[in-house]
Amino acid sequence: MGTPLLSAPELTIAMATLPEWSRDGDAITRTVQAPSFLAGIETVRKVAAAAEAADHHPDIDIRWRTLRFTLSTHSAGGLTTLDTAMAHTIDDLVG
Protein backbone atom coordinates (compact mmCIF):
# COMPACT_ATOMS: atom_id res chain seq x y z
CA MET A 1 0.00 0.00 0.00
CA GLY A 2 1.20 3.54 -0.76
CA THR A 3 1.88 6.47 1.49
CA PRO A 4 -1.33 7.74 3.14
CA LEU A 5 -2.64 11.26 2.63
CA LEU A 6 -1.98 13.75 5.40
CA SER A 7 -5.04 14.59 7.49
CA ALA A 8 -6.07 18.25 7.77
CA PRO A 9 -4.44 18.62 11.24
CA GLU A 10 -1.26 16.88 10.06
CA LEU A 11 -1.09 19.15 7.04
CA THR A 12 -1.57 22.26 9.19
CA ILE A 13 1.30 21.21 11.44
CA ALA A 14 3.53 20.32 8.47
CA MET A 15 2.86 23.62 6.70
CA ALA A 16 3.79 25.53 9.86
CA THR A 17 7.31 24.11 9.42
CA LEU A 18 7.41 25.18 5.75
CA PRO A 19 6.89 28.97 5.81
CA GLU A 20 8.16 29.48 2.23
CA TRP A 21 5.60 27.02 0.82
CA SER A 22 1.92 27.58 0.08
CA ARG A 23 -0.89 25.19 -0.55
CA ASP A 24 -2.36 25.05 -4.04
CA GLY A 25 -5.21 22.52 -3.99
CA ASP A 26 -3.73 19.05 -3.64
CA ALA A 27 -0.17 20.38 -3.94
CA ILE A 28 2.30 22.68 -2.23
CA THR A 29 4.44 25.20 -4.09
CA ARG A 30 7.47 27.38 -3.53
CA THR A 31 8.96 30.00 -5.84
CA VAL A 32 12.67 30.83 -5.67
CA GLN A 33 14.60 33.64 -7.33
CA ALA A 34 18.10 32.57 -8.36
CA PRO A 35 20.84 35.19 -8.71
CA SER A 36 21.44 34.16 -12.34
CA PHE A 37 20.08 31.74 -14.91
CA LEU A 38 23.02 29.37 -14.46
CA ALA A 39 22.65 29.46 -10.66
CA GLY A 40 19.00 28.50 -11.14
CA ILE A 41 19.94 25.58 -13.36
CA GLU A 42 22.48 24.43 -10.75
CA THR A 43 19.75 24.59 -8.10
CA VAL A 44 17.50 22.47 -10.30
CA ARG A 45 20.34 19.96 -10.76
CA LYS A 46 20.78 19.65 -6.98
CA VAL A 47 17.03 19.25 -6.42
CA ALA A 48 16.86 16.67 -9.22
CA ALA A 49 19.65 14.61 -7.62
CA ALA A 50 17.90 14.72 -4.23
CA ALA A 51 14.57 13.80 -5.84
CA GLU A 52 16.14 10.81 -7.58
CA ALA A 53 17.67 9.65 -4.30
CA ALA A 54 14.28 9.96 -2.56
CA ASP A 55 12.34 8.57 -5.54
CA HIS A 56 9.93 11.49 -5.17
CA HIS A 57 10.02 14.16 -7.86
CA PRO A 58 8.70 17.72 -7.85
CA ASP A 59 7.28 19.46 -10.86
CA ILE A 60 9.77 22.21 -11.71
CA ASP A 61 9.00 25.30 -13.78
CA ILE A 62 12.00 27.38 -14.90
CA ARG A 63 11.43 30.95 -16.08
CA TRP A 64 14.85 32.59 -16.52
CA ARG A 65 15.91 33.09 -12.85
CA THR A 66 12.54 32.13 -11.32
CA LEU A 67 12.11 28.52 -10.22
CA ARG A 68 8.76 27.14 -9.10
CA PHE A 69 8.66 23.80 -7.31
CA THR A 70 5.37 21.92 -6.94
CA LEU A 71 4.92 18.79 -4.84
CA SER A 72 2.05 16.32 -4.67
CA THR A 73 1.94 12.55 -4.35
CA HIS A 74 -0.01 11.78 -7.51
CA SER A 75 -0.37 8.07 -6.69
CA ALA A 76 -2.07 8.99 -3.39
CA GLY A 77 -4.15 11.79 -4.87
CA GLY A 78 -2.80 14.58 -2.68
CA LEU A 79 -0.29 15.53 -0.04
CA THR A 80 1.70 13.00 1.96
CA THR A 81 4.79 12.96 4.14
CA LEU A 82 6.81 12.37 0.96
CA ASP A 83 5.88 15.88 -0.16
CA THR A 84 6.68 17.62 3.10
CA ALA A 85 9.98 15.74 3.40
CA MET A 86 10.97 16.76 -0.14
CA ALA A 87 9.90 20.35 0.58
CA HIS A 88 12.30 20.41 3.55
CA THR A 89 15.05 18.99 1.33
CA ILE A 90 14.41 21.70 -1.28
CA ASP A 91 14.50 24.34 1.47
CA ASP A 92 17.88 23.03 2.60
CA LEU A 93 19.22 23.12 -0.96
CA VAL A 94 18.02 26.60 -1.87
CA GLY A 95 18.96 28.15 1.48
C-alpha atoms as a PDB file:
ATOM      1  CA  MET A   1       0.000   0.000   0.000  1.00  0.00           C
ATOM      2  CA  GLY A   2       1.196   3.539  -0.758  1.00  0.00           C
ATOM      3  CA  THR A   3       1.881   6.474   1.492  1.00  0.00           C
ATOM      4  CA  PRO A   4      -1.329   7.742   3.143  1.00  0.00           C
ATOM      5  CA  LEU A   5      -2.638  11.256   2.627  1.00  0.00           C
ATOM      6  CA  LEU A   6      -1.980  13.745   5.405  1.00  0.00           C
ATOM      7  CA  SER A   7      -5.035  14.595   7.492  1.00  0.00           C
ATOM      8  CA  ALA A   8      -6.069  18.252   7.772  1.00  0.00           C
ATOM      9  CA  PRO A   9      -4.444  18.622  11.239  1.00  0.00           C
ATOM     10  CA  GLU A  10      -1.264  16.877  10.058  1.00  0.00           C
ATOM     11  CA  LEU A  11      -1.089  19.152   7.040  1.00  0.00           C
ATOM     12  CA  THR A  12      -1.575  22.259   9.192  1.00  0.00           C
ATOM     13  CA  ILE A  13       1.303  21.206  11.444  1.00  0.00           C
ATOM     14  CA  ALA A  14       3.529  20.322   8.474  1.00  0.00           C
ATOM     15  CA  MET A  15       2.860  23.621   6.701  1.00  0.00           C
ATOM     16  CA  ALA A  16       3.792  25.530   9.855  1.00  0.00           C
ATOM     17  CA  THR A  17       7.310  24.111   9.420  1.00  0.00           C
ATOM     18  CA  LEU A  18       7.413  25.183   5.749  1.00  0.00           C
ATOM     19  CA  PRO A  19       6.888  28.972   5.809  1.00  0.00           C
ATOM     20  CA  GLU A  20       8.164  29.477   2.233  1.00  0.00           C
ATOM     21  CA  TRP A  21       5.597  27.023   0.824  1.00  0.00           C
ATOM     22  CA  SER A  22       1.922  27.577   0.078  1.00  0.00           C
ATOM     23  CA  ARG A  23      -0.892  25.194  -0.554  1.00  0.00           C
ATOM     24  CA  ASP A  24      -2.359  25.051  -4.036  1.00  0.00           C
ATOM     25  CA  GLY A  25      -5.205  22.524  -3.986  1.00  0.00           C
ATOM     26  CA  ASP A  26      -3.728  19.054  -3.636  1.00  0.00           C
ATOM     27  CA  ALA A  27      -0.175  20.377  -3.945  1.00  0.00           C
ATOM     28  CA  ILE A  28       2.302  22.680  -2.233  1.00  0.00           C
ATOM     29  CA  THR A  29       4.445  25.196  -4.094  1.00  0.00           C
ATOM     30  CA  ARG A  30       7.475  27.376  -3.534  1.00  0.00           C
ATOM     31  CA  THR A  31       8.962  29.996  -5.842  1.00  0.00           C
ATOM     32  CA  VAL A  32      12.673  30.827  -5.670  1.00  0.00           C
ATOM     33  CA  GLN A  33      14.602  33.638  -7.334  1.00  0.00           C
ATOM     34  CA  ALA A  34      18.100  32.569  -8.363  1.00  0.00           C
ATOM     35  CA  PRO A  35      20.839  35.186  -8.710  1.00  0.00           C
ATOM     36  CA  SER A  36      21.435  34.157 -12.337  1.00  0.00           C
ATOM     37  CA  PHE A  37      20.077  31.742 -14.913  1.00  0.00           C
ATOM     38  CA  LEU A  38      23.017  29.367 -14.464  1.00  0.00           C
ATOM     39  CA  ALA A  39      22.650  29.464 -10.665  1.00  0.00           C
ATOM     40  CA  GLY A  40      18.999  28.501 -11.142  1.00  0.00           C
ATOM     41  CA  ILE A  41      19.943  25.584 -13.363  1.00  0.00           C
ATOM     42  CA  GLU A  42      22.478  24.432 -10.753  1.00  0.00           C
ATOM     43  CA  THR A  43      19.751  24.586  -8.096  1.00  0.00           C
ATOM     44  CA  VAL A  44      17.497  22.469 -10.300  1.00  0.00           C
ATOM     45  CA  ARG A  45      20.339  19.964 -10.765  1.00  0.00           C
ATOM     46  CA  LYS A  46      20.776  19.650  -6.984  1.00  0.00           C
ATOM     47  CA  VAL A  47      17.026  19.249  -6.423  1.00  0.00           C
ATOM     48  CA  ALA A  48      16.858  16.672  -9.219  1.00  0.00           C
ATOM     49  CA  ALA A  49      19.653  14.613  -7.617  1.00  0.00           C
ATOM     50  CA  ALA A  50      17.905  14.717  -4.228  1.00  0.00           C
ATOM     51  CA  ALA A  51      14.574  13.803  -5.842  1.00  0.00           C
ATOM     52  CA  GLU A  52      16.139  10.809  -7.583  1.00  0.00           C
ATOM     53  CA  ALA A  53      17.669   9.647  -4.299  1.00  0.00           C
ATOM     54  CA  ALA A  54      14.284   9.957  -2.555  1.00  0.00           C
ATOM     55  CA  ASP A  55      12.342   8.568  -5.542  1.00  0.00           C
ATOM     56  CA  HIS A  56       9.932  11.493  -5.172  1.00  0.00           C
ATOM     57  CA  HIS A  57      10.023  14.157  -7.860  1.00  0.00           C
ATOM     58  CA  PRO A  58       8.704  17.719  -7.847  1.00  0.00           C
ATOM     59  CA  ASP A  59       7.279  19.462 -10.860  1.00  0.00           C
ATOM     60  CA  ILE A  60       9.769  22.210 -11.706  1.00  0.00           C
ATOM     61  CA  ASP A  61       8.999  25.296 -13.775  1.00  0.00           C
ATOM     62  CA  ILE A  62      11.998  27.380 -14.897  1.00  0.00           C
ATOM     63  CA  ARG A  63      11.433  30.952 -16.083  1.00  0.00           C
ATOM     64  CA  TRP A  64      14.850  32.590 -16.516  1.00  0.00           C
ATOM     65  CA  ARG A  65      15.907  33.095 -12.848  1.00  0.00           C
ATOM     66  CA  THR A  66      12.544  32.133 -11.322  1.00  0.00           C
ATOM     67  CA  LEU A  67      12.108  28.523 -10.222  1.00  0.00           C
ATOM     68  CA  ARG A  68       8.763  27.141  -9.105  1.00  0.00           C
ATOM     69  CA  PHE A  69       8.658  23.801  -7.309  1.00  0.00           C
ATOM     70  CA  THR A  70       5.368  21.922  -6.938  1.00  0.00           C
ATOM     71  CA  LEU A  71       4.921  18.794  -4.843  1.00  0.00           C
ATOM     72  CA  SER A  72       2.045  16.322  -4.673  1.00  0.00           C
ATOM     73  CA  THR A  73       1.941  12.552  -4.355  1.00  0.00           C
ATOM     74  CA  HIS A  74      -0.006  11.776  -7.514  1.00  0.00           C
ATOM     75  CA  SER A  75      -0.365   8.068  -6.691  1.00  0.00           C
ATOM     76  CA  ALA A  76      -2.067   8.995  -3.390  1.00  0.00           C
ATOM     77  CA  GLY A  77      -4.151  11.792  -4.875  1.00  0.00           C
ATOM     78  CA  GLY A  78      -2.801  14.577  -2.682  1.00  0.00           C
ATOM     79  CA  LEU A  79      -0.293  15.527  -0.041  1.00  0.00           C
ATOM     80  CA  THR A  80       1.703  12.999   1.961  1.00  0.00           C
ATOM     81  CA  THR A  81       4.792  12.962   4.144  1.00  0.00           C
ATOM     82  CA  LEU A  82       6.806  12.370   0.963  1.00  0.00           C
ATOM     83  CA  ASP A  83       5.880  15.882  -0.160  1.00  0.00           C
ATOM     84  CA  THR A  84       6.680  17.620   3.101  1.00  0.00           C
ATOM     85  CA  ALA A  85       9.979  15.743   3.401  1.00  0.00           C
ATOM     86  CA  MET A  86      10.972  16.764  -0.136  1.00  0.00           C
ATOM     87  CA  ALA A  87       9.899  20.353   0.581  1.00  0.00           C
ATOM     88  CA  HIS A  88      12.299  20.411   3.546  1.00  0.00           C
ATOM     89  CA  THR A  89      15.048  18.993   1.329  1.00  0.00           C
ATOM     90  CA  ILE A  90      14.413  21.695  -1.278  1.00  0.00           C
ATOM     91  CA  ASP A  91      14.499  24.344   1.467  1.00  0.00           C
ATOM     92  CA  ASP A  92      17.877  23.027   2.599  1.00  0.00           C
ATOM     93  CA  LEU A  93      19.221  23.118  -0.962  1.00  0.00           C
ATOM     94  CA  VAL A  94      18.024  26.602  -1.872  1.00  0.00           C
ATOM     95  CA  GLY A  95      18.960  28.146   1.481  1.00  0.00           C
END
